[in-house]
């Protein structure tokens, strides 16, 4: 396998090697640009996921807990009424 210095000597364009020529090509420039855009996209996606997750924890989780508590309280009241011999209340209308 040729060494990197041997590859650079093959170039024939004033001592610049094939690696140097490839790094200056349009394909490489487009690749670097695509990598920069992907990095920005990942960073902004991560920020959006953090905001969505935090908002869910702050707003939705307490609501779910409160709804569960209310349901347990309603079940307990219904059970107590049934044990005391009263007629069960009509189901709540939605």
PDB file of N, CA and C in Angstrom:
ATOM      1  N   UNK A   1       0.852  -1.176   0.000  1.00  0.00           N
ATOM      2  CA  UNK A   1       0.000   0.000   0.000  1.00  0.00           C
ATOM      3  C   UNK A   1       0.892   1.231   0.000  1.00  0.00           C
ATOM      4  N   UNK A   2       0.633   2.183  -0.882  1.00  0.00           N
ATOM      5  CA  UNK A   2       1.478   3.372  -0.952  1.00  0.00           C
ATOM      6  C   UNK A   2       1.244   4.269   0.263  1.00  0.00           C
ATOM      7  N   UNK A   3       2.297   4.944   0.628  1.00  0.00           N
ATOM      8  CA  UNK A   3       2.213   5.855   1.772  1.00  0.00           C
ATOM      9  C   UNK A   3       1.546   7.160   1.346  1.00  0.00           C
ATOM     10  N   UNK A   4       1.052   7.964   2.293  1.00  0.00           N
ATOM     11  CA  UNK A   4       0.421   9.237   1.932  1.00  0.00           C
ATOM     12  C   UNK A   4       1.358  10.160   1.168  1.00  0.00           C
ATOM     13  N   UNK A   5       2.654  10.113   1.484  1.00  0.00           N
ATOM     14  CA  UNK A   5       3.584  10.967   0.742  1.00  0.00           C
ATOM     15  C   UNK A   5       3.691  10.500  -0.714  1.00  0.00           C
ATOM     16  N   UNK A   6       3.598   9.186  -0.935  1.00  0.00           N
ATOM     17  CA  UNK A   6       3.649   8.664  -2.300  1.00  0.00           C
ATOM     18  C   UNK A   6       2.394   9.074  -3.065  1.00  0.00           C
ATOM     19  N   UNK A   7       1.242   9.091  -2.382  1.00  0.00           N
ATOM     20  CA  UNK A   7       0.007   9.521  -3.038  1.00  0.00           C
ATOM     21  C   UNK A   7       0.081  10.992  -3.415  1.00  0.00           C
ATOM     22  N   UNK A   8       0.669  11.802  -2.541  1.00  0.00           N
ATOM     23  CA  UNK A   8       0.737  13.221  -2.840  1.00  0.00           C
ATOM     24  C   UNK A   8       1.726  13.497  -3.971  1.00  0.00           C
ATOM     25  N   UNK A   9       2.737  12.635  -4.168  1.00  0.00           N
ATOM     26  CA  UNK A   9       3.710  12.840  -5.238  1.00  0.00           C
ATOM     27  C   UNK A   9       3.146  12.443  -6.598  1.00  0.00           C
ATOM     28  N   UNK A  10       2.107  11.602  -6.612  1.00  0.00           N
ATOM     29  CA  UNK A  10       1.527  11.159  -7.882  1.00  0.00           C
ATOM     30  C   UNK A  10       0.729  12.254  -8.562  1.00  0.00           C
ATOM     31  N   UNK A  11       0.331  13.250  -7.825  1.00  0.00           N
ATOM     32  CA  UNK A  11      -0.586  14.263  -8.332  1.00  0.00           C
ATOM     33  C   UNK A  11      -0.120  14.913  -9.609  1.00  0.00           C
ATOM     34  N   UNK A  12       1.053  15.320  -9.703  1.00  0.00           N
ATOM     35  CA  UNK A  12       1.541  15.893 -10.934  1.00  0.00           C
ATOM     36  C   UNK A  12       1.119  17.335 -11.145  1.00  0.00           C
ATOM     37  N   UNK A  13       0.324  17.926 -10.265  1.00  0.00           N
ATOM     38  CA  UNK A  13      -0.100  19.313 -10.456  1.00  0.00           C
ATOM     39  C   UNK A  13       0.609  20.206  -9.443  1.00  0.00           C
ATOM     40  N   UNK A  14       1.915  20.214  -9.508  1.00  0.00           N
ATOM     41  CA  UNK A  14       2.701  21.100  -8.672  1.00  0.00           C
ATOM     42  C   UNK A  14       2.872  20.613  -7.251  1.00  0.00           C
ATOM     43  N   UNK A  15       2.847  19.326  -7.013  1.00  0.00           N
ATOM     44  CA  UNK A  15       3.086  18.808  -5.673  1.00  0.00           C
ATOM     45  C   UNK A  15       1.807  18.587  -4.878  1.00  0.00           C
ATOM     46  N   UNK A  16       0.663  19.016  -5.350  1.00  0.00           N
ATOM     47  CA  UNK A  16      -0.589  18.774  -4.641  1.00  0.00           C
ATOM     48  C   UNK A  16      -1.009  17.333  -4.869  1.00  0.00           C
ATOM     49  N   UNK A  17      -1.391  16.661  -3.815  1.00  0.00           N
ATOM     50  CA  UNK A  17      -1.795  15.273  -3.927  1.00  0.00           C
ATOM     51  C   UNK A  17      -3.266  15.147  -4.264  1.00  0.00           C
ATOM     52  N   UNK A  18      -3.656  13.913  -4.470  1.00  0.00           N
ATOM     53  CA  UNK A  18      -5.046  13.635  -4.801  1.00  0.00           C
ATOM     54  C   UNK A  18      -5.969  13.974  -3.628  1.00  0.00           C
ATOM     55  N   UNK A  19      -5.468  13.775  -2.400  1.00  0.00           N
ATOM     56  CA  UNK A  19      -6.271  14.101  -1.226  1.00  0.00           C
ATOM     57  C   UNK A  19      -6.518  15.598  -1.128  1.00  0.00           C
ATOM     58  N   UNK A  20      -5.497  16.380  -1.426  1.00  0.00           N
ATOM     59  CA  UNK A  20      -5.659  17.838  -1.402  1.00  0.00           C
ATOM     60  C   UNK A  20      -6.622  18.286  -2.490  1.00  0.00           C
ATOM     61  N   UNK A  21      -6.528  17.670  -3.658  1.00  0.00           N
ATOM     62  CA  UNK A  21      -7.420  18.027  -4.764  1.00  0.00           C
ATOM     63  C   UNK A  21      -8.870  17.658  -4.432  1.00  0.00           C
ATOM     64  N   UNK A  22      -9.047  16.491  -3.795  1.00  0.00           N
ATOM     65  CA  UNK A  22     -10.402  16.083  -3.428  1.00  0.00           C
ATOM     66  C   UNK A  22     -10.993  16.997  -2.355  1.00  0.00           C
ATOM     67  N   UNK A  23     -10.152  17.444  -1.428  1.00  0.00           N
ATOM     68  CA  UNK A  23     -10.660  18.288  -0.355  1.00  0.00           C
ATOM     69  C   UNK A  23     -11.064  19.666  -0.864  1.00  0.00           C
ATOM     70  N   UNK A  24     -10.529  20.067  -2.026  1.00  0.00           N
ATOM     71  CA  UNK A  24     -10.913  21.357  -2.607  1.00  0.00           C
ATOM     72  C   UNK A  24     -12.052  21.222  -3.613  1.00  0.00           C
ATOM     73  N   UNK A  25     -12.508  20.015  -3.874  1.00  0.00           N
ATOM     74  CA  UNK A  25     -13.517  19.811  -4.912  1.00  0.00           C
ATOM     75  C   UNK A  25     -14.896  20.303  -4.464  1.00  0.00           C
ATOM     76  N   UNK A  26     -15.785  20.444  -5.431  1.00  0.00           N
ATOM     77  CA  UNK A  26     -17.147  20.886  -5.141  1.00  0.00           C
ATOM     78  C   UNK A  26     -17.904  19.845  -4.324  1.00  0.00           C
ATOM     79  N   UNK A  27     -17.617  18.597  -4.573  1.00  0.00           N
ATOM     80  CA  UNK A  27     -18.286  17.526  -3.830  1.00  0.00           C
ATOM     81  C   UNK A  27     -17.963  17.646  -2.348  1.00  0.00           C
ATOM     82  N   UNK A  28     -16.698  17.883  -2.042  1.00  0.00           N
ATOM     83  CA  UNK A  28     -16.297  18.038  -0.644  1.00  0.00           C
ATOM     84  C   UNK A  28     -16.940  19.281  -0.036  1.00  0.00           C
ATOM     85  N   UNK A  29     -17.024  20.355  -0.798  1.00  0.00           N
ATOM     86  CA  UNK A  29     -17.648  21.586  -0.290  1.00  0.00           C
ATOM     87  C   UNK A  29     -19.128  21.346   0.006  1.00  0.00           C
ATOM     88  N   UNK A  30     -19.802  20.646  -0.882  1.00  0.00           N
ATOM     89  CA  UNK A  30     -21.213  20.331  -0.642  1.00  0.00           C
ATOM     90  C   UNK A  30     -21.372  19.409   0.564  1.00  0.00           C
ATOM     91  N   UNK A  31     -20.452  18.481   0.724  1.00  0.00           N
ATOM     92  CA  UNK A  31     -20.493  17.579   1.881  1.00  0.00           C
ATOM     93  C   UNK A  31     -20.320  18.340   3.183  1.00  0.00           C
ATOM     94  N   UNK A  32     -19.373  19.268   3.218  1.00  0.00           N
ATOM     95  CA  UNK A  32     -19.175  20.080   4.423  1.00  0.00           C
ATOM     96  C   UNK A  32     -20.410  20.927   4.715  1.00  0.00           C
ATOM     97  N   UNK A  33     -20.999  21.489   3.672  1.00  0.00           N
ATOM     98  CA  UNK A  33     -22.210  22.307   3.843  1.00  0.00           C
ATOM     99  C   UNK A  33     -23.368  21.449   4.362  1.00  0.00           C
ATOM    100  N   UNK A  34     -23.523  20.257   3.821  1.00  0.00           N
ATOM    101  CA  UNK A  34     -24.584  19.355   4.283  1.00  0.00           C
ATOM    102  C   UNK A  34     -24.363  18.952   5.734  1.00  0.00           C
ATOM    103  N   UNK A  35     -23.124  18.727   6.110  1.00  0.00           N
ATOM    104  CA  UNK A  35     -22.817  18.370   7.499  1.00  0.00           C
ATOM    105  C   UNK A  35     -23.152  19.519   8.439  1.00  0.00           C
ATOM    106  N   UNK A  36     -22.867  20.750   8.028  1.00  0.00           N
ATOM    107  CA  UNK A  36     -23.180  21.908   8.860  1.00  0.00           C
ATOM    108  C   UNK A  36     -24.692  22.071   9.027  1.00  0.00           C
ATOM    109  N   UNK A  37     -25.431  21.868   7.943  1.00  0.00           N
ATOM    110  CA  UNK A  37     -26.893  21.975   8.015  1.00  0.00           C
ATOM    111  C   UNK A  37     -27.461  20.872   8.904  1.00  0.00           C
ATOM    112  N   UNK A  38     -26.923  19.666   8.777  1.00  0.00           N
ATOM    113  CA  UNK A  38     -27.392  18.549   9.609  1.00  0.00           C
ATOM    114  C   UNK A  38     -27.117  18.818  11.083  1.00  0.00           C
ATOM    115  N   UNK A  39     -25.976  19.392  11.380  1.00  0.00           N
ATOM    116  CA  UNK A  39     -25.632  19.707  12.764  1.00  0.00           C
ATOM    117  C   UNK A  39     -26.606  20.736  13.337  1.00  0.00           C
ATOM    118  N   UNK A  40     -26.912  21.775  12.560  1.00  0.00           N
ATOM    119  CA  UNK A  40     -27.875  22.790  13.013  1.00  0.00           C
ATOM    120  C   UNK A  40     -29.257  22.174  13.204  1.00  0.00           C
ATOM    121  N   UNK A  41     -29.651  21.304  12.288  1.00  0.00           N
ATOM    122  CA  UNK A  41     -30.957  20.658  12.373  1.00  0.00           C
ATOM    123  C   UNK A  41     -31.052  19.787  13.619  1.00  0.00           C
ATOM    124  N   UNK A  42     -30.009  19.013  13.900  1.00  0.00           N
ATOM    125  CA  UNK A  42     -30.010  18.171  15.090  1.00  0.00           C
ATOM    126  C   UNK A  42     -30.063  19.007  16.358  1.00  0.00           C
ATOM    127  N   UNK A  43     -29.329  20.110  16.373  1.00  0.00           N
ATOM    128  CA  UNK A  43     -29.327  20.976  17.550  1.00  0.00           C
ATOM    129  C   UNK A  43     -30.722  21.569  17.775  1.00  0.00           C
ATOM    130  N   UNK A  44     -31.363  22.068  16.713  1.00  0.00           N
ATOM    131  CA  UNK A  44     -32.688  22.670  16.875  1.00  0.00           C
ATOM    132  C   UNK A  44     -33.739  21.609  17.197  1.00  0.00           C
ATOM    133  N   UNK A  45     -33.585  20.401  16.653  1.00  0.00           N
ATOM    134  CA  UNK A  45     -34.512  19.318  16.976  1.00  0.00           C
ATOM    135  C   UNK A  45     -34.384  18.932  18.438  1.00  0.00           C
ATOM    136  N   UNK A  46     -33.167  18.895  18.934  1.00  0.00           N
ATOM    137  CA  UNK A  46     -32.941  18.591  20.346  1.00  0.00           C
ATOM    138  C   UNK A  46     -33.562  19.639  21.252  1.00  0.00           C
ATOM    139  N   UNK A  47     -33.428  20.911  20.875  1.00  0.00           N
ATOM    140  CA  UNK A  47     -34.034  21.988  21.662  1.00  0.00           C
ATOM    141  C   UNK A  47     -35.552  21.861  21.657  1.00  0.00           C
ATOM    142  N   UNK A  48     -36.127  21.566  20.497  1.00  0.00           N
ATOM    143  CA  UNK A  48     -37.583  21.415  20.407  1.00  0.00           C
ATOM    144  C   UNK A  48     -38.062  20.234  21.236  1.00  0.00           C
ATOM    145  N   UNK A  49     -37.320  19.138  21.228  1.00  0.00           N
ATOM    146  CA  UNK A  49     -37.695  17.970  22.025  1.00  0.00           C
ATOM    147  C   UNK A  49     -37.614  18.297  23.516  1.00  0.00           C
ATOM    148  N   UNK A  50     -36.612  19.052  23.923  1.00  0.00           N
ATOM    149  CA  UNK A  50     -36.472  19.455  25.325  1.00  0.00           C
ATOM    150  C   UNK A  50     -37.661  20.322  25.739  1.00  0.00           C
ATOM    151  N   UNK A  51     -38.040  21.277  24.897  1.00  0.00           N
ATOM    152  CA  UNK A  51     -39.166  22.163  25.208  1.00  0.00           C
ATOM    153  C   UNK A  51     -40.457  21.365  25.295  1.00  0.00           C
ATOM    154  N   UNK A  52     -40.683  20.470  24.347  1.00  0.00           N
ATOM    155  CA  UNK A  52     -41.905  19.663  24.356  1.00  0.00           C
ATOM    156  C   UNK A  52     -41.959  18.756  25.578  1.00  0.00           C
ATOM    157  N   UNK A  53     -40.857  18.120  25.909  1.00  0.00           N
ATOM    158  CA  UNK A  53     -40.828  17.226  27.067  1.00  0.00           C
ATOM    159  C   UNK A  53     -41.038  17.965  28.371  1.00  0.00           C
ATOM    160  N   UNK A  54     -40.396  19.114  28.524  1.00  0.00           N
ATOM    161  CA  UNK A  54     -40.551  19.907  29.742  1.00  0.00           C
ATOM    162  C   UNK A  54     -41.976  20.433  29.869  1.00  0.00           C
ATOM    163  N   UNK A  55     -42.540  20.899  28.771  1.00  0.00           N
ATOM    164  CA  UNK A  55     -43.917  21.388  28.796  1.00  0.00           C
ATOM    165  C   UNK A  55     -44.876  20.274  29.187  1.00  0.00           C
ATOM    166  N   UNK A  56     -44.658  19.082  28.653  1.00  0.00           N
ATOM    167  CA  UNK A  56     -45.499  17.940  29.002  1.00  0.00           C
ATOM    168  C   UNK A  56     -45.420  17.653  30.498  1.00  0.00           C
ATOM    169  N   UNK A  57     -44.202  17.661  31.040  1.00  0.00           N
ATOM    170  CA  UNK A  57     -44.036  17.379  32.467  1.00  0.00           C
ATOM    171  C   UNK A  57     -44.687  18.436  33.340  1.00  0.00           C
ATOM    172  N   UNK A  58     -44.602  19.681  32.943  1.00  0.00           N
ATOM    173  CA  UNK A  58     -45.116  20.772  33.771  1.00  0.00           C
ATOM    174  C   UNK A  58     -46.628  20.898  33.654  1.00  0.00           C
ATOM    175  N   UNK A  59     -47.193  20.708  32.475  1.00  0.00           N
ATOM    176  CA  UNK A  59     -48.619  20.963  32.271  1.00  0.00           C
ATOM    177  C   UNK A  59     -49.494  19.711  32.269  1.00  0.00           C
ATOM    178  N   UNK A  60     -49.066  18.664  31.609  1.00  0.00           N
ATOM    179  CA  UNK A  60     -49.938  17.518  31.392  1.00  0.00           C
ATOM    180  C   UNK A  60     -49.894  16.516  32.544  1.00  0.00           C
ATOM    181  N   UNK A  61     -48.727  16.241  33.084  1.00  0.00           N
ATOM    182  CA  UNK A  61     -48.625  15.237  34.152  1.00  0.00           C
ATOM    183  C   UNK A  61     -49.446  15.638  35.388  1.00  0.00           C
ATOM    184  N   UNK A  62     -49.373  16.894  35.872  1.00  0.00           N
ATOM    185  CA  UNK A  62     -50.236  17.259  37.003  1.00  0.00           C
ATOM    186  C   UNK A  62     -51.730  17.129  36.680  1.00  0.00           C
ATOM    187  N   UNK A  63     -52.112  17.425  35.452  1.00  0.00           N
ATOM    188  CA  UNK A  63     -53.508  17.273  35.047  1.00  0.00           C
ATOM    189  C   UNK A  63     -53.933  15.810  35.115  1.00  0.00           C
ATOM    190  N   UNK A  64     -53.099  14.910  34.651  1.00  0.00           N
ATOM    191  CA  UNK A  64     -53.408  13.474  34.701  1.00  0.00           C
ATOM    192  C   UNK A  64     -53.531  13.013  36.151  1.00  0.00           C
ATOM    193  N   UNK A  65     -52.619  13.476  37.004  1.00  0.00           N
ATOM    194  CA  UNK A  65     -52.666  13.088  38.418  1.00  0.00           C
ATOM    195  C   UNK A  65     -53.956  13.594  39.065  1.00  0.00           C
ATOM    196  N   UNK A  66     -54.339  14.834  38.787  1.00  0.00           N
ATOM    197  CA  UNK A  66     -55.561  15.396  39.373  1.00  0.00           C
ATOM    198  C   UNK A  66     -56.803  14.665  38.873  1.00  0.00           C
ATOM    199  N   UNK A  67     -56.844  14.311  37.610  1.00  0.00           N
ATOM    200  CA  UNK A  67     -57.985  13.566  37.073  1.00  0.00           C
ATOM    201  C   UNK A  67     -58.086  12.193  37.734  1.00  0.00           C
ATOM    202  N   UNK A  68     -56.960  11.558  37.976  1.00  0.00           N
ATOM    203  CA  UNK A  68     -56.948  10.259  38.637  1.00  0.00           C
ATOM    204  C   UNK A  68     -57.457  10.387  40.078  1.00  0.00           C
ATOM    205  N   UNK A  69     -57.023  11.424  40.774  1.00  0.00           N
ATOM    206  CA  UNK A  69     -57.498  11.662  42.143  1.00  0.00           C
ATOM    207  C   UNK A  69     -59.015  11.865  42.182  1.00  0.00           C
ATOM    208  N   UNK A  70     -59.502  12.660  41.250  1.00  0.00           N
ATOM    209  CA  UNK A  70     -60.945  12.922  41.205  1.00  0.00           C
ATOM    210  C   UNK A  70     -61.721  11.632  40.941  1.00  0.00           C
ATOM    211  N   UNK A  71     -61.211  10.801  40.055  1.00  0.00           N
ATOM    212  CA  UNK A  71     -61.871   9.525  39.765  1.00  0.00           C
ATOM    213  C   UNK A  71     -61.878   8.626  40.996  1.00  0.00           C
ATOM    214  N   UNK A  72     -60.774   8.592  41.728  1.00  0.00           N
ATOM    215  CA  UNK A  72     -60.719   7.786  42.944  1.00  0.00           C
ATOM    216  C   UNK A  72     -61.705   8.306  43.985  1.00  0.00           C
ATOM    217  N   UNK A  73     -61.826   9.625  44.110  1.00  0.00           N
ATOM    218  CA  UNK A  73     -62.767  10.213  45.052  1.00  0.00           C
ATOM    219  C   UNK A  73     -64.209   9.868  44.671  1.00  0.00           C
ATOM    220  N   UNK A  74     -64.511   9.949  43.388  1.00  0.00           N
ATOM    221  CA  UNK A  74     -65.858   9.593  42.926  1.00  0.00           C
ATOM    222  C   UNK A  74     -66.159   8.121  43.208  1.00  0.00           C
ATOM    223  N   UNK A  75     -65.198   7.245  42.965  1.00  0.00           N
ATOM    224  CA  UNK A  75     -65.385   5.817  43.239  1.00  0.00           C
ATOM    225  C   UNK A  75     -65.598   5.569  44.732  1.00  0.00           C
ATOM    226  N   UNK A  76     -64.853   6.273  45.569  1.00  0.00           N
ATOM    227  CA  UNK A  76     -64.990   6.121  47.014  1.00  0.00           C
ATOM    228  C   UNK A  76     -66.368   6.586  47.483  1.00  0.00           C
ATOM    229  N   UNK A  77     -66.833   7.723  46.975  1.00  0.00           N
ATOM    230  CA  UNK A  77     -68.162   8.218  47.349  1.00  0.00           C
ATOM    231  C   UNK A  77     -69.248   7.245  46.916  1.00  0.00           C
ATOM    232  N   UNK A  78     -69.123   6.696  45.734  1.00  0.00           N
ATOM    233  CA  UNK A  78     -70.096   5.730  45.233  1.00  0.00           C
ATOM    234  C   UNK A  78     -70.094   4.469  46.105  1.00  0.00           C
ATOM    235  N   UNK A  79     -68.920   4.027  46.499  1.00  0.00           N
ATOM    236  CA  UNK A  79     -68.804   2.834  47.345  1.00  0.00           C
ATOM    237  C   UNK A  79     -69.420   3.095  48.717  1.00  0.00           C
ATOM    238  N   UNK A  80     -69.176   4.265  49.281  1.00  0.00           N
ATOM    239  CA  UNK A  80     -69.749   4.593  50.591  1.00  0.00           C
ATOM    240  C   UNK A  80     -71.271   4.666  50.518  1.00  0.00           C
ATOM    241  N   UNK A  81     -71.791   5.258  49.458  1.00  0.00           N
ATOM    242  CA  UNK A  81     -73.237   5.356  49.304  1.00  0.00           C
ATOM    243  C   UNK A  81     -73.865   3.983  49.157  1.00  0.00           C
ATOM    244  N   UNK A  82     -73.207   3.110  48.442  1.00  0.00           N
ATOM    245  CA  UNK A  82     -73.723   1.761  48.255  1.00  0.00           C
ATOM    246  C   UNK A  82     -73.716   1.002  49.576  1.00  0.00           C
ATOM    247  N   UNK A  83     -72.668   1.162  50.393  1.00  0.00           N
ATOM    248  CA  UNK A  83     -72.570   0.482  51.678  1.00  0.00           C
ATOM    249  C   UNK A  83     -73.611   0.991  52.676  1.00  0.00           C
ATOM    250  N   UNK A  84     -73.942   2.280  52.592  1.00  0.00           N
ATOM    251  CA  UNK A  84     -74.912   2.863  53.526  1.00  0.00           C
ATOM    252  C   UNK A  84     -76.351   2.562  53.122  1.00  0.00           C
ATOM    253  N   UNK A  85     -76.543   1.936  52.018  1.00  0.00           N
ATOM    254  CA  UNK A  85     -77.866   1.488  51.614  1.00  0.00           C
ATOM    255  C   UNK A  85     -78.647   2.512  50.797  1.00  0.00           C
ATOM    256  N   UNK A  86     -78.062   3.595  50.454  1.00  0.00           N
ATOM    257  CA  UNK A  86     -78.775   4.592  49.654  1.00  0.00           C
ATOM    258  C   UNK A  86     -78.832   4.184  48.209  1.00  0.00           C
ATOM    259  N   UNK A  87     -79.734   4.798  47.492  1.00  0.00           N
ATOM    260  CA  UNK A  87     -79.828   4.521  46.068  1.00  0.00           C
ATOM    261  C   UNK A  87     -78.608   5.128  45.372  1.00  0.00           C
ATOM    262  N   UNK A  88     -78.015   4.425  44.449  1.00  0.00           N
ATOM    263  CA  UNK A  88     -76.835   4.961  43.758  1.00  0.00           C
ATOM    264  C   UNK A  88     -77.238   6.198  42.947  1.00  0.00           C
ATOM    265  N   UNK A  89     -76.369   7.179  42.937  1.00  0.00           N
ATOM    266  CA  UNK A  89     -76.680   8.385  42.168  1.00  0.00           C
ATOM    267  C   UNK A  89     -76.687   8.081  40.666  1.00  0.00           C
ATOM    268  N   UNK A  90     -77.383   8.894  39.909  1.00  0.00           N
ATOM    269  CA  UNK A  90     -77.370   8.668  38.444  1.00  0.00           C
ATOM    270  C   UNK A  90     -75.969   8.929  37.904  1.00  0.00           C
ATOM    271  N   UNK A  91     -75.618   8.241  36.827  1.00  0.00           N
ATOM    272  CA  UNK A  91     -74.278   8.458  36.259  1.00  0.00           C
ATOM    273  C   UNK A  91     -74.152   9.902  35.765  1.00  0.00           C
ATOM    274  N   UNK A  92     -72.971  10.475  35.867  1.00  0.00           N
ATOM    275  CA  UNK A  92     -72.780  11.860  35.430  1.00  0.00           C
ATOM    276  C   UNK A  92     -72.982  11.983  33.926  1.00  0.00           C
ATOM    277  N   UNK A  93     -73.610  13.066  33.532  1.00  0.00           N
ATOM    278  CA  UNK A  93     -73.837  13.312  32.113  1.00  0.00           C
ATOM    279  C   UNK A  93     -72.632  14.023  31.543  1.00  0.00           C
ATOM    280  N   UNK A  94     -72.341  13.671  30.327  1.00  0.00           N
ATOM    281  CA  UNK A  94     -71.153  14.276  29.692  1.00  0.00           C
ATOM    282  C   UNK A  94     -71.573  15.246  28.633  1.00  0.00           C
TER     283      UNK A  94
END
